[in-house]
């Protein structure tokens, strides 16, 4: 095994690399966690344990566990640019859960990363905080947008160049911070390096699998490269999470004639075109007449996984995406729905504003005119942490004002092109236009993954 356990990870400027999946870094037992880049030994202190899940991670108890490199100041002090990168999973969300710490007197200074329930700048709650310090008031820090604390696996990367604001990337995408400052020009106050606990308190409760430190600021492209190189180990790829996949331009899904429109993923998703929708003149979409056309997938009243449907309820995180082109906006239209107001749907209002429903999380997102007639749009509804967010053409639009629980215990069909209440037939919100593809994932795709999906598919439509 080389310095890094995964191919395609950036090694230029890498000065420290702990990876619990690399047996030359951690053999699965003992108290030594070896840095494969600089040869610095971290000592497991007070009983952190090894978990073989996700190929390997170190488990911290949230009380007093940590990994110590008492010589960490040797490669931290003097840095005028740096990157810290981690893969972490919280078992519980606390007030000040330390991930990396290098000075017991500076909670956020020197070279630190942690979760916090309240931001230093007062701009957000449940944030990720990163600090780079040089003593006195020479302190550069960044705080994430609100609500970033989670019990999912997260890829966190903070980059910094002396004299400028640090930048924070979450799951491969640049975050919009609630607060930031840029007074530090170099790091001078490190006295050690600890993983999983601040010297006096603030212990991490959960798993830490990878810690990397660079002596330069990685570019956005390099951050995304590292994320893509390692994400399958922790969250899988889009394909791993895909549960439903219809594509009118793929003859395996729709042969070009007839009423059968079947999912390419999930053999029990058998679809039927009802009341006369037809293949569009473009040969890659199904045209719905805005009157009574729809497509139906599954069998009413049959609980999954029996019958011919998969269970796509009870998902605390999910992504639903769809490519469509509306002929008119004379009335509100729903391109995709399941279980009506008890389940989920994406609705385009007559003014072009989008309304999302996913369990009890719901609300209008964006503005009037976000969707217009006669143009192709790629909408993605992402559910995460009891909130639903909208992406349009790969770009984040906003999050619904109402949060709530995921759909649960529903067993009705999925409909394309119209709205139907639970265990009922379609009766309103008919789509007047074309629908080409729709996909459902059993996790929240990241912003980077959604943009990648848009870029990979837009050539057919734009």
Protein backbone atom coordinates (compact mmCIF):
# COMPACT_ATOMS: atom_id res chain seq x y z
CA UNK A 1 0.00 0.00 0.00
CA UNK A 2 1.26 3.50 -0.78
CA UNK A 3 0.98 6.73 1.13
CA UNK A 4 -2.74 6.92 0.40
CA UNK A 5 -5.12 3.96 0.44
CA UNK A 6 -7.19 5.23 -2.49
CA UNK A 7 -5.99 5.90 -6.03
CA UNK A 8 -6.47 9.40 -7.43
CA UNK A 9 -6.05 11.14 -4.07
CA UNK A 10 -3.95 14.31 -4.36
CA UNK A 11 -0.47 13.81 -2.86
CA UNK A 12 1.22 17.10 -3.84
CA UNK A 13 1.82 18.96 -0.57
CA UNK A 14 0.56 16.10 1.61
CA UNK A 15 2.46 16.25 4.92
CA UNK A 16 0.27 14.03 7.12
CA UNK A 17 -2.13 11.21 6.33
CA UNK A 18 -3.88 8.92 8.81
CA UNK A 19 -6.24 6.37 7.23
CA UNK A 20 -7.73 3.59 9.35
CA UNK A 21 -8.36 1.48 6.23
CA UNK A 22 -4.66 1.35 5.38
CA UNK A 23 -3.15 -1.47 7.43
CA UNK A 24 0.24 0.24 7.26
CA UNK A 25 -1.40 3.20 8.95
CA UNK A 26 -3.49 1.23 11.44
CA UNK A 27 -3.26 -2.59 11.57
CA UNK A 28 -6.65 -3.03 13.26
CA UNK A 29 -5.34 -3.32 16.82
CA UNK A 30 -3.00 -1.52 19.18
CA UNK A 31 -2.51 2.11 20.14
CA UNK A 32 -0.39 3.41 17.24
CA UNK A 33 -2.01 5.17 14.26
CA UNK A 34 0.80 5.98 11.82
CA UNK A 35 0.91 8.97 9.53
CA UNK A 36 1.75 7.49 6.12
CA UNK A 37 2.96 10.78 4.64
CA UNK A 38 5.28 12.10 7.34
CA UNK A 39 5.83 9.05 9.52
CA UNK A 40 4.35 10.72 12.59
CA UNK A 41 2.83 8.33 15.11
CA UNK A 42 -0.51 9.13 16.68
CA UNK A 43 -1.19 7.42 20.00
CA UNK A 44 -4.69 6.16 20.75
CA UNK A 45 -5.38 7.41 24.26
CA UNK A 46 -8.09 6.41 26.78
CA UNK A 47 -9.47 3.62 24.64
CA UNK A 48 -10.56 4.59 21.12
CA UNK A 49 -11.43 1.41 19.23
CA UNK A 50 -11.25 0.17 15.66
CA UNK A 51 -14.33 -0.44 13.52
CA UNK A 52 -14.07 -2.48 10.33
CA UNK A 53 -17.13 -0.73 8.88
CA UNK A 54 -16.40 1.30 5.73
CA UNK A 55 -13.07 -0.55 5.49
CA UNK A 56 -11.87 0.99 8.73
CA UNK A 57 -12.32 3.90 11.15
CA UNK A 58 -11.39 4.88 14.69
CA UNK A 59 -14.31 5.12 17.14
CA UNK A 60 -14.30 7.85 19.81
CA UNK A 61 -16.58 7.66 22.85
CA UNK A 62 -17.43 11.36 23.25
CA UNK A 63 -15.93 11.41 26.73
CA UNK A 64 -12.15 11.24 26.81
CA UNK A 65 -10.92 9.29 23.76
CA UNK A 66 -8.39 10.92 21.46
CA UNK A 67 -5.35 10.33 19.27
CA UNK A 68 -2.26 12.34 20.21
CA UNK A 69 0.77 13.39 18.22
CA UNK A 70 2.79 15.34 20.76
CA UNK A 71 5.18 16.52 18.03
CA UNK A 72 2.46 17.87 15.78
CA UNK A 73 3.73 21.42 16.12
CA UNK A 74 6.82 20.44 14.14
CA UNK A 75 4.88 20.27 10.88
CA UNK A 76 2.04 22.69 11.70
CA UNK A 77 3.90 25.80 12.90
CA UNK A 78 5.27 27.95 10.12
CA UNK A 79 2.61 27.06 7.56
CA UNK A 80 1.49 30.05 5.50
CA UNK A 81 -1.08 27.98 3.60
CA UNK A 82 -2.75 24.72 4.55
CA UNK A 83 -5.54 22.23 3.98
CA UNK A 84 -7.13 19.94 6.56
CA UNK A 85 -9.33 17.12 5.31
CA UNK A 86 -11.38 14.52 7.23
CA UNK A 87 -14.00 11.83 6.75
CA UNK A 88 -16.14 11.73 9.91
CA UNK A 89 -19.40 10.30 11.21
CA UNK A 90 -21.02 11.54 14.41
CA UNK A 91 -22.89 9.10 16.65
CA UNK A 92 -24.32 12.04 18.57
CA UNK A 93 -24.38 15.80 18.00
CA UNK A 94 -22.86 17.85 20.81
CA UNK A 95 -22.10 21.44 21.61
CA UNK A 96 -18.35 21.59 20.94
CA UNK A 97 -17.22 18.31 19.42
CA UNK A 98 -13.55 18.58 18.55
CA UNK A 99 -12.21 16.89 15.41
CA UNK A 100 -8.69 18.39 15.18
CA UNK A 101 -6.96 20.53 17.83
CA UNK A 102 -3.39 21.84 18.20
CA UNK A 103 -3.43 24.28 21.14
CA UNK A 104 -5.25 23.81 24.44
CA UNK A 105 -5.53 27.56 25.01
CA UNK A 106 -7.17 28.31 21.67
CA UNK A 107 -10.54 26.69 21.20
CA UNK A 108 -10.75 27.71 17.55
CA UNK A 109 -7.28 29.06 16.86
CA UNK A 110 -3.92 27.70 15.72
CA UNK A 111 -5.16 24.77 13.58
CA UNK A 112 -8.56 23.38 14.58
CA UNK A 113 -11.79 21.86 13.29
CA UNK A 114 -14.92 21.11 15.30
CA UNK A 115 -18.71 21.02 15.41
CA UNK A 116 -20.48 23.72 17.42
CA UNK A 117 -24.09 24.38 18.27
CA UNK A 118 -23.60 28.15 17.94
CA UNK A 119 -21.29 30.05 15.65
CA UNK A 120 -18.66 32.44 16.98
CA UNK A 121 -19.83 35.11 14.60
CA UNK A 122 -23.44 34.71 15.68
CA UNK A 123 -24.57 33.93 12.19
CA UNK A 124 -25.54 30.28 12.44
CA UNK A 125 -26.33 27.26 14.57
CA UNK A 126 -25.13 23.66 14.35
CA UNK A 127 -22.10 24.72 12.35
CA UNK A 128 -18.70 23.34 11.43
CA UNK A 129 -15.94 25.68 12.62
CA UNK A 130 -12.37 25.81 11.38
CA UNK A 131 -9.60 28.08 12.67
CA UNK A 132 -6.04 28.94 11.63
CA UNK A 133 -4.15 31.10 14.14
CA UNK A 134 -0.89 32.94 14.62
CA UNK A 135 -1.17 34.29 18.15
CA UNK A 136 -2.88 37.31 19.69
CA UNK A 137 -5.69 38.47 17.45
CA UNK A 138 -4.08 36.99 14.33
CA UNK A 139 -6.79 34.44 13.72
CA UNK A 140 -8.46 33.30 10.51
CA UNK A 141 -11.61 31.21 10.80
CA UNK A 142 -14.64 30.07 8.86
CA UNK A 143 -18.03 28.80 10.05
CA UNK A 144 -20.30 26.74 7.84
CA UNK A 145 -23.86 27.50 6.93
CA UNK A 146 -26.39 26.50 9.57
CA UNK A 147 -27.60 22.96 10.07
CA UNK A 148 -24.43 21.21 8.93
CA UNK A 149 -24.16 19.00 12.01
CA UNK A 150 -25.36 15.54 11.07
CA UNK A 151 -24.96 11.87 11.92
CA UNK A 152 -24.22 10.97 8.29
CA UNK A 153 -20.72 10.39 6.98
CA UNK A 154 -19.29 13.77 5.96
CA UNK A 155 -16.26 14.82 3.97
CA UNK A 156 -14.95 18.11 5.37
CA UNK A 157 -12.11 20.08 3.80
CA UNK A 158 -10.85 23.48 4.95
CA UNK A 159 -8.33 25.38 2.83
CA UNK A 160 -6.46 28.53 3.82
CA UNK A 161 -3.86 30.94 2.46
CA UNK A 162 -2.34 33.45 4.89
CA UNK A 163 -4.10 36.80 4.84
CA UNK A 164 -7.29 35.48 3.23
CA UNK A 165 -10.51 33.92 4.45
CA UNK A 166 -10.43 30.14 4.81
CA UNK A 167 -12.80 28.18 2.61
CA UNK A 168 -14.83 25.19 3.74
CA UNK A 169 -15.97 22.37 1.47
CA UNK A 170 -18.63 19.89 2.56
CA UNK A 171 -19.02 16.68 0.55
CA UNK A 172 -17.03 18.10 -2.33
CA UNK A 173 -18.89 21.43 -2.61
CA UNK A 174 -17.86 24.88 -1.45
CA UNK A 175 -20.02 25.93 1.48
CA UNK A 176 -21.48 29.40 1.95
CA UNK A 177 -20.23 30.43 5.41
CA UNK A 178 -22.17 32.30 8.06
CA UNK A 179 -18.98 33.98 9.32
CA UNK A 180 -15.32 34.29 8.32
CA UNK A 181 -12.25 36.41 9.04
CA UNK A 182 -8.73 36.58 7.65
CA UNK A 183 -6.25 38.14 10.09
CA UNK A 184 -3.67 35.32 10.31
CA UNK A 185 -0.70 35.22 7.95
CA UNK A 186 0.94 32.08 9.35
CA UNK A 187 0.44 29.40 12.01
CA UNK A 188 2.70 29.84 15.04
CA UNK A 189 0.82 28.62 18.11
CA UNK A 190 0.55 24.83 17.67
CA UNK A 191 1.90 22.85 20.65
CA UNK A 192 0.78 19.35 19.58
CA UNK A 193 -1.87 17.71 17.40
CA UNK A 194 -4.90 15.87 18.72
CA UNK A 195 -7.58 14.04 16.79
CA UNK A 196 -10.97 13.59 18.45
CA UNK A 197 -10.65 15.81 21.52
CA UNK A 198 -9.65 19.25 22.70
CA UNK A 199 -7.08 19.13 25.51
CA UNK A 200 -9.43 20.17 28.31
CA UNK A 201 -12.83 18.95 27.11
CA UNK A 202 -14.94 18.83 23.95
CA UNK A 203 -14.57 15.21 22.81
CA UNK A 204 -15.75 13.72 19.53
CA UNK A 205 -18.57 11.17 19.72
CA UNK A 206 -18.38 9.04 16.60
CA UNK A 207 -15.97 7.80 13.95
CA UNK A 208 -13.00 9.38 12.21
CA UNK A 209 -11.66 7.38 9.28
CA UNK A 210 -9.28 9.70 7.43
CA UNK A 211 -7.27 12.78 8.42
CA UNK A 212 -5.08 14.51 5.84
CA UNK A 213 -3.02 17.69 6.17
CA UNK A 214 -1.45 19.58 3.26
CA UNK A 215 1.07 22.43 3.33
CA UNK A 216 -0.87 24.29 0.66
CA UNK A 217 -4.46 25.17 -0.16
CA UNK A 218 -6.02 22.57 -2.42
CA UNK A 219 -8.02 23.92 -5.33
CA UNK A 220 -11.75 23.32 -5.64
CA UNK A 221 -11.01 20.77 -8.36
CA UNK A 222 -8.57 18.92 -6.10
CA UNK A 223 -11.04 18.88 -3.21
CA UNK A 224 -13.66 17.34 -5.49
CA UNK A 225 -11.06 14.88 -6.78
CA UNK A 226 -10.33 13.64 -3.24
CA UNK A 227 -14.05 13.42 -2.47
CA UNK A 228 -14.80 11.39 -5.57
CA UNK A 229 -11.78 9.15 -4.94
CA UNK A 230 -13.05 8.12 -1.50
CA UNK A 231 -16.82 8.63 -1.37
CA UNK A 232 -17.82 5.11 -2.37
CA UNK A 233 -16.21 3.80 0.81
CA UNK A 234 -18.54 5.93 2.93
CA UNK A 235 -21.70 6.81 1.04
CA UNK A 236 -21.56 4.80 -2.15
CA UNK A 237 -21.90 6.14 -5.66
CA UNK A 238 -25.04 7.41 -7.33
CA UNK A 239 -25.47 3.98 -8.93
CA UNK A 240 -25.23 2.22 -5.56
CA UNK A 241 -28.05 4.39 -4.20
CA UNK A 242 -30.28 4.34 -7.27
CA UNK A 243 -33.68 2.70 -6.70
CA UNK A 244 -35.80 3.89 -9.64
CA UNK A 245 -34.64 4.93 -13.11
CA UNK A 246 -36.85 5.54 -16.15
CA UNK A 247 -35.57 6.98 -19.42
CA UNK A 248 -37.81 7.33 -22.46
CA UNK A 249 -34.74 7.70 -24.67
CA UNK A 250 -33.36 4.29 -23.67
CA UNK A 251 -35.03 1.40 -25.50
CA UNK A 252 -34.41 -0.84 -22.51
CA UNK A 253 -36.77 1.41 -20.57
CA UNK A 254 -39.19 2.40 -23.34
CA UNK A 255 -38.96 0.50 -26.66
CA UNK A 256 -40.55 3.31 -28.67
CA UNK A 257 -44.09 1.93 -28.92
CA UNK A 258 -46.67 0.40 -26.63
CA UNK A 259 -47.67 1.16 -23.05
CA UNK A 260 -44.82 -0.45 -21.08
CA UNK A 261 -42.34 2.00 -19.53
CA UNK A 262 -40.07 0.15 -17.14
CA UNK A 263 -37.41 1.13 -14.66
CA UNK A 264 -33.80 0.30 -15.51
CA UNK A 265 -33.17 -0.14 -11.79
CA UNK A 266 -35.40 -2.30 -9.64
CA UNK A 267 -36.96 -5.21 -11.49
CA UNK A 268 -40.30 -4.82 -9.72
CA UNK A 269 -40.94 -1.34 -11.10
CA UNK A 270 -43.27 -2.20 -13.99
CA UNK A 271 -44.75 0.92 -15.58
CA UNK A 272 -47.84 1.43 -17.74
CA UNK A 273 -48.76 4.44 -19.88
CA UNK A 274 -52.46 5.23 -19.41
CA UNK A 275 -54.94 7.12 -21.62
CA UNK A 276 -52.62 7.67 -24.55
CA UNK A 277 -49.27 9.35 -23.77
CA UNK A 278 -46.89 8.77 -26.68
CA UNK A 279 -43.22 8.99 -27.55
CA UNK A 280 -42.41 12.61 -28.39
CA UNK A 281 -41.16 13.69 -31.79
CA UNK A 282 -37.68 14.03 -30.27
CA UNK A 283 -37.61 10.26 -29.69
CA UNK A 284 -36.39 10.65 -26.12
CA UNK A 285 -39.40 11.75 -24.05
CA UNK A 286 -43.02 10.82 -23.36
CA UNK A 287 -45.60 13.46 -24.27
CA UNK A 288 -48.56 14.01 -21.91
CA UNK A 289 -51.64 15.87 -23.16
CA UNK A 290 -52.54 17.87 -20.02
CA UNK A 291 -55.98 16.26 -19.89
CA UNK A 292 -55.85 12.68 -18.62
CA UNK A 293 -52.50 11.14 -19.62
CA UNK A 294 -50.26 9.59 -16.99
CA UNK A 295 -47.83 6.75 -16.30
CA UNK A 296 -48.32 4.38 -13.37
CA UNK A 297 -45.68 2.29 -11.61
CA UNK A 298 -46.48 -0.38 -9.03
CA UNK A 299 -49.67 -2.00 -7.79
CA UNK A 300 -52.10 -0.26 -5.46
CA UNK A 301 -52.35 -1.54 -1.92
CA UNK A 302 -49.47 -4.01 -2.09
CA UNK A 303 -46.85 -3.36 0.54
CA UNK A 304 -43.24 -3.47 -0.60
CA UNK A 305 -41.26 -5.51 -1.29
CA UNK A 306 -44.11 -7.85 -2.31
CA UNK A 307 -45.92 -7.31 -5.59
CA UNK A 308 -44.15 -5.25 -8.22
CA UNK A 309 -42.82 -2.22 -6.38
CA UNK A 310 -39.94 -1.32 -4.14
CA UNK A 311 -40.31 0.40 -0.82
CA UNK A 312 -39.23 4.00 -1.26
CA UNK A 313 -40.86 5.27 1.90
CA UNK A 314 -39.26 5.48 5.33
CA UNK A 315 -36.20 7.12 3.81
CA UNK A 316 -34.81 9.85 6.10
CA UNK A 317 -32.66 10.97 3.18
CA UNK A 318 -33.51 10.76 -0.51
CA UNK A 319 -33.14 12.44 -3.90
CA UNK A 320 -35.77 12.64 -6.65
CA UNK A 321 -34.75 14.08 -10.02
CA UNK A 322 -36.64 14.63 -13.25
CA UNK A 323 -36.09 16.11 -16.74
CA UNK A 324 -39.22 17.72 -18.24
CA UNK A 325 -40.41 20.34 -20.73
CA UNK A 326 -43.88 21.88 -20.28
CA UNK A 327 -45.84 23.04 -23.31
CA UNK A 328 -47.87 25.52 -21.26
CA UNK A 329 -48.16 26.87 -17.72
CA UNK A 330 -51.89 27.46 -17.80
CA UNK A 331 -52.32 25.52 -14.55
CA UNK A 332 -50.24 23.89 -11.82
CA UNK A 333 -48.71 20.55 -12.86
CA UNK A 334 -47.08 17.64 -10.97
CA UNK A 335 -44.51 15.66 -12.99
CA UNK A 336 -43.90 13.01 -10.29
CA UNK A 337 -45.77 11.91 -7.16
CA UNK A 338 -46.31 8.99 -4.82
CA UNK A 339 -48.92 8.71 -2.06
CA UNK A 340 -50.15 12.28 -2.55
CA UNK A 341 -49.99 14.52 0.52
CA UNK A 342 -48.83 11.56 2.61
CA UNK A 343 -45.86 10.91 0.34
CA UNK A 344 -43.97 13.22 -1.99
CA UNK A 345 -44.29 15.23 -5.17
CA UNK A 346 -42.72 17.98 -7.22
CA UNK A 347 -45.21 20.61 -8.36
CA UNK A 348 -44.76 23.45 -10.83
CA UNK A 349 -47.27 26.22 -10.15
CA UNK A 350 -48.94 28.25 -12.88
CA UNK A 351 -46.53 31.12 -12.19
CA UNK A 352 -43.50 28.87 -12.63
CA UNK A 353 -42.62 28.56 -8.95
CA UNK A 354 -41.81 25.08 -7.61
CA UNK A 355 -43.54 23.51 -4.61
CA UNK A 356 -42.02 20.47 -2.89
CA UNK A 357 -43.66 17.83 -0.70
CA UNK A 358 -41.74 15.06 1.06
CA UNK A 359 -43.64 13.70 4.03
CA UNK A 360 -44.39 16.57 6.38
CA UNK A 361 -41.53 18.66 4.96
CA UNK A 362 -43.03 20.91 2.31
CA UNK A 363 -43.29 24.40 0.88
CA UNK A 364 -42.65 26.69 -2.06
CA UNK A 365 -39.01 27.12 -3.03
CA UNK A 366 -37.47 29.75 -5.25
CA UNK A 367 -39.46 32.33 -7.16
CA UNK A 368 -42.11 32.76 -9.80
CA UNK A 369 -40.65 32.20 -13.24
CA UNK A 370 -38.10 29.61 -12.15
CA UNK A 371 -39.75 27.24 -14.63
CA UNK A 372 -41.00 28.50 -17.99
CA UNK A 373 -42.93 26.86 -20.81
CA UNK A 374 -41.12 25.50 -23.84
CA UNK A 375 -37.76 24.81 -22.17
CA UNK A 376 -36.13 21.75 -20.63
CA UNK A 377 -35.54 21.76 -16.88
CA UNK A 378 -33.71 19.37 -14.57
CA UNK A 379 -35.18 19.52 -11.05
CA UNK A 380 -33.80 17.63 -8.06
CA UNK A 381 -35.61 17.37 -4.72
CA UNK A 382 -33.21 16.44 -1.92
CA UNK A 383 -34.36 15.38 1.53
CA UNK A 384 -31.82 15.63 4.36
CA UNK A 385 -32.11 16.34 8.08
CA UNK A 386 -35.93 16.69 7.93
CA UNK A 387 -35.76 19.43 5.28
CA UNK A 388 -36.27 19.35 1.51
CA UNK A 389 -34.22 21.41 -0.91
CA UNK A 390 -34.53 22.21 -4.60
CA UNK A 391 -31.83 22.22 -7.27
CA UNK A 392 -32.58 23.54 -10.75
CA UNK A 393 -30.29 22.64 -13.63
CA UNK A 394 -27.63 21.52 -11.17
CA UNK A 395 -27.69 24.70 -9.05
CA UNK A 396 -29.05 25.07 -5.52
CA UNK A 397 -32.27 27.12 -5.38
CA UNK A 398 -33.38 26.92 -1.75
CA UNK A 399 -34.93 24.92 1.07
CA UNK A 400 -38.59 24.69 2.02
CA UNK A 401 -39.69 26.65 5.06
CA UNK A 402 -41.46 23.67 6.66
CA UNK A 403 -39.44 20.72 7.95
CA UNK A 404 -40.77 17.37 9.08
CA UNK A 405 -40.64 13.60 9.06
CA UNK A 406 -40.22 11.41 5.99
CA UNK A 407 -43.13 9.53 4.36
CA UNK A 408 -43.77 6.35 6.33
CA UNK A 409 -45.82 3.21 5.84
CA UNK A 410 -47.26 4.12 2.45
CA UNK A 411 -47.78 1.43 -0.17
CA UNK A 412 -49.42 3.13 -3.13
CA UNK A 413 -48.21 3.48 -6.71
CA UNK A 414 -45.87 6.06 -8.20
CA UNK A 415 -47.29 8.33 -10.90
CA UNK A 416 -45.62 10.33 -13.64
CA UNK A 417 -47.55 13.17 -15.26
CA UNK A 418 -50.37 13.74 -12.77
CA UNK A 419 -51.38 13.88 -9.10
CA UNK A 420 -53.19 11.14 -7.19
CA UNK A 421 -54.15 10.90 -3.53
CA UNK A 422 -53.10 7.86 -1.52
CA UNK A 423 -54.63 4.68 -3.00
CA UNK A 424 -56.51 6.76 -5.55
CA UNK A 425 -56.35 7.33 -9.28
CA UNK A 426 -54.89 10.46 -10.90
CA UNK A 427 -57.41 13.27 -11.10
CA UNK A 428 -55.60 16.62 -11.29
CA UNK A 429 -52.40 18.57 -11.90
CA UNK A 430 -52.07 16.95 -15.34
CA UNK A 431 -48.78 17.56 -17.11
CA UNK A 432 -49.05 19.29 -20.48
CA UNK A 433 -45.66 18.57 -21.99
CA UNK A 434 -42.83 16.06 -22.11
CA UNK A 435 -41.08 14.01 -19.45
CA UNK A 436 -37.86 12.26 -20.42
CA UNK A 437 -36.22 10.80 -17.33
CA UNK A 438 -36.85 10.35 -13.62
CA UNK A 439 -34.68 8.87 -10.91
CA UNK A 440 -35.01 8.17 -7.18
CA UNK A 441 -32.07 7.60 -4.82
CA UNK A 442 -32.18 6.36 -1.23
CA UNK A 443 -29.80 9.04 0.00
CA UNK A 444 -29.30 12.77 -0.33
CA UNK A 445 -27.00 13.39 -3.27
CA UNK A 446 -24.46 16.12 -2.64
CA UNK A 447 -24.46 19.41 -4.52
CA UNK A 448 -21.42 18.21 -6.44
CA UNK A 449 -23.16 14.98 -7.45
CA UNK A 450 -26.29 16.82 -8.58
CA UNK A 451 -24.22 19.19 -10.70
CA UNK A 452 -22.38 16.20 -12.14
CA UNK A 453 -25.70 14.51 -13.00
CA UNK A 454 -26.87 17.68 -14.76
CA UNK A 455 -23.64 18.06 -16.72
CA UNK A 456 -23.69 14.42 -17.80
CA UNK A 457 -27.27 14.56 -19.10
CA UNK A 458 -27.83 18.13 -20.31
CA UNK A 459 -26.39 17.45 -23.77
CA UNK A 460 -29.63 15.69 -24.70
CA UNK A 461 -31.77 18.66 -23.78
CA UNK A 462 -29.88 21.95 -24.04
